[in-house]
Amino acid sequence: MKNFARYVVDAHNTIHSFPYYLDLLDQDYILCLNNFINDCANYCDNKKVELILVFDGDPPFDSSGNGNGMTIIFSGKKKDADTIISNNIDLAKNTIVVTNDKGIKQNTVFSGCKYLSPKKFCQLIYPNYHNKSTEIQNSNKLRGLTSQEVLWWKKEINEELKKKQ
């Protein structure tokens, strides 16, 4: 992965894939976003890479602090991060897309880019995570499904029910 210098990150997807950020998210949404952005900025400064963080929704704070190789994009209310990543960001061959979303992964491979799991990306930007206590590492709080996950499961269940009829 050393040859790649540009990452496009599905930010909320990434935050929801890593226990450290999930713990912060449970405490304070804005604190979680700020810590994630700061960790990304530190990685960007240390590794001389370009990061494009794409968040769902409207920014909960002034996000005009783009620079130093990092761009922060909020999708707004009418679009989601997946749409922004798939339709509006030039996915050059030197780009790594960070997501767990199947549709974005397919688009990534089709465009000749690489993709990286959010967990592996978080291990890059937050390398000291493995030195944290096992209590934090093994945080397995029960969490409900997101609305997107509920819709997906509902669709899957309905398809299986139709097959059995």
C-alpha atoms as a PDB file:
ATOM      1  CA  MET A   1       0.000   0.000   0.000  1.00  0.00           C
ATOM      2  CA  LYS A   2       3.034   2.295   0.149  1.00  0.00           C
ATOM      3  CA  ASN A   3       2.571   3.384  -3.477  1.00  0.00           C
ATOM      4  CA  PHE A   4      -0.850   4.854  -2.754  1.00  0.00           C
ATOM      5  CA  ALA A   5      -0.958   8.422  -1.570  1.00  0.00           C
ATOM      6  CA  ARG A   6      -4.679   9.233  -1.611  1.00  0.00           C
ATOM      7  CA  TYR A   7      -7.448   7.863   0.610  1.00  0.00           C
ATOM      8  CA  VAL A   8     -11.176   8.500   0.227  1.00  0.00           C
ATOM      9  CA  VAL A   9     -12.820   7.569   3.535  1.00  0.00           C
ATOM     10  CA  ASP A  10     -16.477   6.718   4.136  1.00  0.00           C
ATOM     11  CA  ALA A  11     -16.153   8.402   7.527  1.00  0.00           C
ATOM     12  CA  HIS A  12     -19.276   7.319   9.424  1.00  0.00           C
ATOM     13  CA  ASN A  13     -18.877   3.782   8.091  1.00  0.00           C
ATOM     14  CA  THR A  14     -15.305   3.809   9.397  1.00  0.00           C
ATOM     15  CA  ILE A  15     -16.228   5.253  12.798  1.00  0.00           C
ATOM     16  CA  HIS A  16     -18.891   2.557  13.210  1.00  0.00           C
ATOM     17  CA  SER A  17     -16.343  -0.167  12.411  1.00  0.00           C
ATOM     18  CA  PHE A  18     -13.814   0.536  15.148  1.00  0.00           C
ATOM     19  CA  PRO A  19     -14.468   0.056  18.893  1.00  0.00           C
ATOM     20  CA  TYR A  20     -12.385   3.037  20.031  1.00  0.00           C
ATOM     21  CA  TYR A  21     -14.475   5.479  17.988  1.00  0.00           C
ATOM     22  CA  LEU A  22     -17.715   3.683  18.876  1.00  0.00           C
ATOM     23  CA  ASP A  23     -16.938   4.197  22.562  1.00  0.00           C
ATOM     24  CA  LEU A  24     -16.402   7.901  21.895  1.00  0.00           C
ATOM     25  CA  LEU A  25     -19.567   8.032  19.810  1.00  0.00           C
ATOM     26  CA  ASP A  26     -21.548   6.632  22.747  1.00  0.00           C
ATOM     27  CA  GLN A  27     -20.213   9.471  24.906  1.00  0.00           C
ATOM     28  CA  ASP A  28     -20.338  12.470  22.575  1.00  0.00           C
ATOM     29  CA  TYR A  29     -20.936  12.636  18.804  1.00  0.00           C
ATOM     30  CA  ILE A  30     -18.968  15.841  18.260  1.00  0.00           C
ATOM     31  CA  LEU A  31     -16.064  14.620  20.420  1.00  0.00           C
ATOM     32  CA  CYS A  32     -15.953  11.421  18.372  1.00  0.00           C
ATOM     33  CA  LEU A  33     -15.896  13.284  15.052  1.00  0.00           C
ATOM     34  CA  ASN A  34     -13.241  15.705  16.289  1.00  0.00           C
ATOM     35  CA  ASN A  35     -11.012  12.871  17.560  1.00  0.00           C
ATOM     36  CA  PHE A  36     -11.427  10.946  14.308  1.00  0.00           C
ATOM     37  CA  ILE A  37     -10.621  14.045  12.243  1.00  0.00           C
ATOM     38  CA  ASN A  38      -7.613  14.868  14.453  1.00  0.00           C
ATOM     39  CA  ASP A  39      -6.284  11.302  14.204  1.00  0.00           C
ATOM     40  CA  CYS A  40      -6.680  11.482  10.417  1.00  0.00           C
ATOM     41  CA  ALA A  41      -4.927  14.873  10.309  1.00  0.00           C
ATOM     42  CA  ASN A  42      -1.998  13.519  12.355  1.00  0.00           C
ATOM     43  CA  TYR A  43      -1.699  10.523  10.041  1.00  0.00           C
ATOM     44  CA  CYS A  44      -1.891  12.814   7.029  1.00  0.00           C
ATOM     45  CA  ASP A  45       0.884  15.043   8.410  1.00  0.00           C
ATOM     46  CA  ASN A  46       3.143  12.133   9.385  1.00  0.00           C
ATOM     47  CA  LYS A  47       2.732  10.046   6.224  1.00  0.00           C
ATOM     48  CA  LYS A  48       2.393  12.815   3.630  1.00  0.00           C
ATOM     49  CA  VAL A  49      -0.805  11.370   2.163  1.00  0.00           C
ATOM     50  CA  GLU A  50      -3.990  13.012   0.956  1.00  0.00           C
ATOM     51  CA  LEU A  51      -7.171  12.161   2.860  1.00  0.00           C
ATOM     52  CA  ILE A  52     -10.716  12.940   1.782  1.00  0.00           C
ATOM     53  CA  LEU A  53     -13.153  12.295   4.639  1.00  0.00           C
ATOM     54  CA  VAL A  54     -16.768  12.031   3.494  1.00  0.00           C
ATOM     55  CA  PHE A  55     -19.426  12.205   6.226  1.00  0.00           C
ATOM     56  CA  ASP A  56     -23.188  11.733   5.989  1.00  0.00           C
ATOM     57  CA  GLY A  57     -25.421  14.698   6.762  1.00  0.00           C
ATOM     58  CA  ASP A  58     -24.698  18.279   7.733  1.00  0.00           C
ATOM     59  CA  PRO A  59     -21.643  19.273   9.767  1.00  0.00           C
ATOM     60  CA  PRO A  60     -22.269  19.673  13.505  1.00  0.00           C
ATOM     61  CA  PHE A  61     -19.463  22.263  13.618  1.00  0.00           C
ATOM     62  CA  ASP A  62     -17.457  24.519  11.305  1.00  0.00           C
ATOM     63  CA  SER A  63     -15.680  22.096   8.988  1.00  0.00           C
ATOM     64  CA  SER A  64     -13.873  24.695   6.921  1.00  0.00           C
ATOM     65  CA  GLY A  65     -10.544  23.580   8.364  1.00  0.00           C
ATOM     66  CA  ASN A  66      -9.559  21.703   5.216  1.00  0.00           C
ATOM     67  CA  GLY A  67      -5.921  21.770   4.296  1.00  0.00           C
ATOM     68  CA  ASN A  68      -2.577  20.085   4.850  1.00  0.00           C
ATOM     69  CA  GLY A  69      -3.586  17.284   2.505  1.00  0.00           C
ATOM     70  CA  MET A  70      -6.961  16.654   4.122  1.00  0.00           C
ATOM     71  CA  THR A  71     -10.420  17.518   2.813  1.00  0.00           C
ATOM     72  CA  ILE A  72     -13.593  17.130   4.874  1.00  0.00           C
ATOM     73  CA  ILE A  73     -16.899  16.782   3.027  1.00  0.00           C
ATOM     74  CA  PHE A  74     -20.373  16.522   4.571  1.00  0.00           C
ATOM     75  CA  SER A  75     -22.989  15.152   2.179  1.00  0.00           C
ATOM     76  CA  GLY A  76     -25.868  17.355   3.328  1.00  0.00           C
ATOM     77  CA  LYS A  77     -29.426  16.210   3.877  1.00  0.00           C
ATOM     78  CA  LYS A  78     -30.302  15.268   0.303  1.00  0.00           C
ATOM     79  CA  LYS A  79     -27.398  12.878  -0.332  1.00  0.00           C
ATOM     80  CA  ASP A  80     -25.395  10.385   1.655  1.00  0.00           C
ATOM     81  CA  ALA A  81     -21.654   9.797   1.788  1.00  0.00           C
ATOM     82  CA  ASP A  82     -21.966   6.729  -0.455  1.00  0.00           C
ATOM     83  CA  THR A  83     -23.482   8.839  -3.240  1.00  0.00           C
ATOM     84  CA  ILE A  84     -20.810  11.522  -2.889  1.00  0.00           C
ATOM     85  CA  ILE A  85     -18.023   8.938  -2.990  1.00  0.00           C
ATOM     86  CA  SER A  86     -19.492   7.004  -5.919  1.00  0.00           C
ATOM     87  CA  ASN A  87     -20.577   9.939  -8.087  1.00  0.00           C
ATOM     88  CA  ASN A  88     -18.579  13.030  -7.232  1.00  0.00           C
ATOM     89  CA  ILE A  89     -15.059  11.995  -6.320  1.00  0.00           C
ATOM     90  CA  ASP A  90     -12.591  11.203  -9.063  1.00  0.00           C
ATOM     91  CA  LEU A  91     -11.361   7.733  -8.168  1.00  0.00           C
ATOM     92  CA  ALA A  92      -7.917   7.727  -9.722  1.00  0.00           C
ATOM     93  CA  LYS A  93      -5.860   4.545  -9.756  1.00  0.00           C
ATOM     94  CA  ASN A  94      -3.654   5.822  -6.918  1.00  0.00           C
ATOM     95  CA  THR A  95      -6.704   6.050  -4.641  1.00  0.00           C
ATOM     96  CA  ILE A  96      -7.609   3.739  -1.783  1.00  0.00           C
ATOM     97  CA  VAL A  97     -11.264   3.834  -0.794  1.00  0.00           C
ATOM     98  CA  VAL A  98     -11.974   3.035   2.848  1.00  0.00           C
ATOM     99  CA  THR A  99     -15.411   1.467   3.330  1.00  0.00           C
ATOM    100  CA  ASN A 100     -17.383  -1.669   4.153  1.00  0.00           C
ATOM    101  CA  ASP A 101     -20.166  -0.714   1.729  1.00  0.00           C
ATOM    102  CA  LYS A 102     -20.558  -3.372  -0.985  1.00  0.00           C
ATOM    103  CA  GLY A 103     -21.725  -0.928  -3.649  1.00  0.00           C
ATOM    104  CA  ILE A 104     -18.780   1.393  -3.134  1.00  0.00           C
ATOM    105  CA  LYS A 105     -16.374  -1.569  -3.119  1.00  0.00           C
ATOM    106  CA  GLN A 106     -17.727  -2.707  -6.495  1.00  0.00           C
ATOM    107  CA  ASN A 107     -17.444   0.820  -7.910  1.00  0.00           C
ATOM    108  CA  THR A 108     -13.917   1.025  -6.510  1.00  0.00           C
ATOM    109  CA  VAL A 109     -12.779  -2.188  -8.180  1.00  0.00           C
ATOM    110  CA  PHE A 110     -14.516  -1.206 -11.435  1.00  0.00           C
ATOM    111  CA  SER A 111     -12.651   2.119 -11.507  1.00  0.00           C
ATOM    112  CA  GLY A 112      -9.289   0.433 -10.887  1.00  0.00           C
ATOM    113  CA  CYS A 113      -8.841   1.653  -7.305  1.00  0.00           C
ATOM    114  CA  LYS A 114      -8.009  -0.334  -4.224  1.00  0.00           C
ATOM    115  CA  TYR A 115     -10.120  -0.522  -1.101  1.00  0.00           C
ATOM    116  CA  LEU A 116      -9.220  -0.960   2.521  1.00  0.00           C
ATOM    117  CA  SER A 117     -11.394  -2.073   5.403  1.00  0.00           C
ATOM    118  CA  PRO A 118     -12.253   0.621   7.949  1.00  0.00           C
ATOM    119  CA  LYS A 119     -10.671  -1.476  10.704  1.00  0.00           C
ATOM    120  CA  LYS A 120      -7.330  -1.635   8.879  1.00  0.00           C
ATOM    121  CA  PHE A 121      -7.496   2.085   8.136  1.00  0.00           C
ATOM    122  CA  CYS A 122      -8.158   2.843  11.807  1.00  0.00           C
ATOM    123  CA  GLN A 123      -5.145   0.740  12.727  1.00  0.00           C
ATOM    124  CA  LEU A 124      -3.084   2.973  10.421  1.00  0.00           C
ATOM    125  CA  ILE A 125      -4.320   6.259  11.861  1.00  0.00           C
ATOM    126  CA  TYR A 126      -4.480   5.062  15.459  1.00  0.00           C
ATOM    127  CA  PRO A 127      -1.549   2.626  15.808  1.00  0.00           C
ATOM    128  CA  ASN A 128      -1.450   2.837  19.614  1.00  0.00           C
ATOM    129  CA  TYR A 129      -4.901   1.276  19.806  1.00  0.00           C
ATOM    130  CA  HIS A 130      -3.400  -2.174  20.350  1.00  0.00           C
ATOM    131  CA  ASN A 131      -1.586  -0.876  23.418  1.00  0.00           C
ATOM    132  CA  LYS A 132      -4.846   0.144  25.078  1.00  0.00           C
ATOM    133  CA  SER A 133      -6.384  -1.998  27.761  1.00  0.00           C
ATOM    134  CA  THR A 134      -8.191  -5.142  26.696  1.00  0.00           C
ATOM    135  CA  GLU A 135     -11.315  -3.677  28.281  1.00  0.00           C
ATOM    136  CA  ILE A 136     -11.419  -1.010  25.569  1.00  0.00           C
ATOM    137  CA  GLN A 137     -10.286  -3.379  22.807  1.00  0.00           C
ATOM    138  CA  ASN A 138     -12.961  -5.920  23.646  1.00  0.00           C
ATOM    139  CA  SER A 139     -15.781  -3.438  23.972  1.00  0.00           C
ATOM    140  CA  ASN A 140     -18.782  -5.412  22.772  1.00  0.00           C
ATOM    141  CA  LYS A 141     -21.666  -3.219  23.821  1.00  0.00           C
ATOM    142  CA  LEU A 142     -25.008  -4.171  22.427  1.00  0.00           C
ATOM    143  CA  ARG A 143     -26.001  -1.726  19.724  1.00  0.00           C
ATOM    144  CA  GLY A 144     -29.132  -1.505  17.674  1.00  0.00           C
ATOM    145  CA  LEU A 145     -29.211  -1.603  13.911  1.00  0.00           C
ATOM    146  CA  THR A 146     -28.940   1.560  11.876  1.00  0.00           C
ATOM    147  CA  SER A 147     -31.925   2.458   9.707  1.00  0.00           C
ATOM    148  CA  GLN A 148     -29.935   1.387   6.634  1.00  0.00           C
ATOM    149  CA  GLU A 149     -29.208  -2.002   8.226  1.00  0.00           C
ATOM    150  CA  VAL A 150     -32.878  -2.445   9.167  1.00  0.00           C
ATOM    151  CA  LEU A 151     -33.949  -1.811   5.570  1.00  0.00           C
ATOM    152  CA  TRP A 152     -31.334  -4.239   4.245  1.00  0.00           C
ATOM    153  CA  TRP A 153     -32.344  -7.008   6.663  1.00  0.00           C
ATOM    154  CA  LYS A 154     -36.016  -6.422   5.955  1.00  0.00           C
ATOM    155  CA  LYS A 155     -35.344  -6.796   2.239  1.00  0.00           C
ATOM    156  CA  GLU A 156     -33.304  -9.966   2.800  1.00  0.00           C
ATOM    157  CA  ILE A 157     -35.971 -11.532   5.005  1.00  0.00           C
ATOM    158  CA  ASN A 158     -38.749 -10.693   2.552  1.00  0.00           C
ATOM    159  CA  GLU A 159     -36.763 -12.260  -0.303  1.00  0.00           C
ATOM    160  CA  GLU A 160     -36.244 -15.437   1.706  1.00  0.00           C
ATOM    161  CA  LEU A 161     -39.929 -15.557   2.628  1.00  0.00           C
ATOM    162  CA  LYS A 162     -40.909 -15.231  -1.052  1.00  0.00           C
ATOM    163  CA  LYS A 163     -38.627 -18.170  -1.923  1.00  0.00           C
ATOM    164  CA  LYS A 164     -40.386 -20.372   0.642  1.00  0.00           C
ATOM    165  CA  GLN A 165     -43.889 -19.628  -0.646  1.00  0.00           C
END
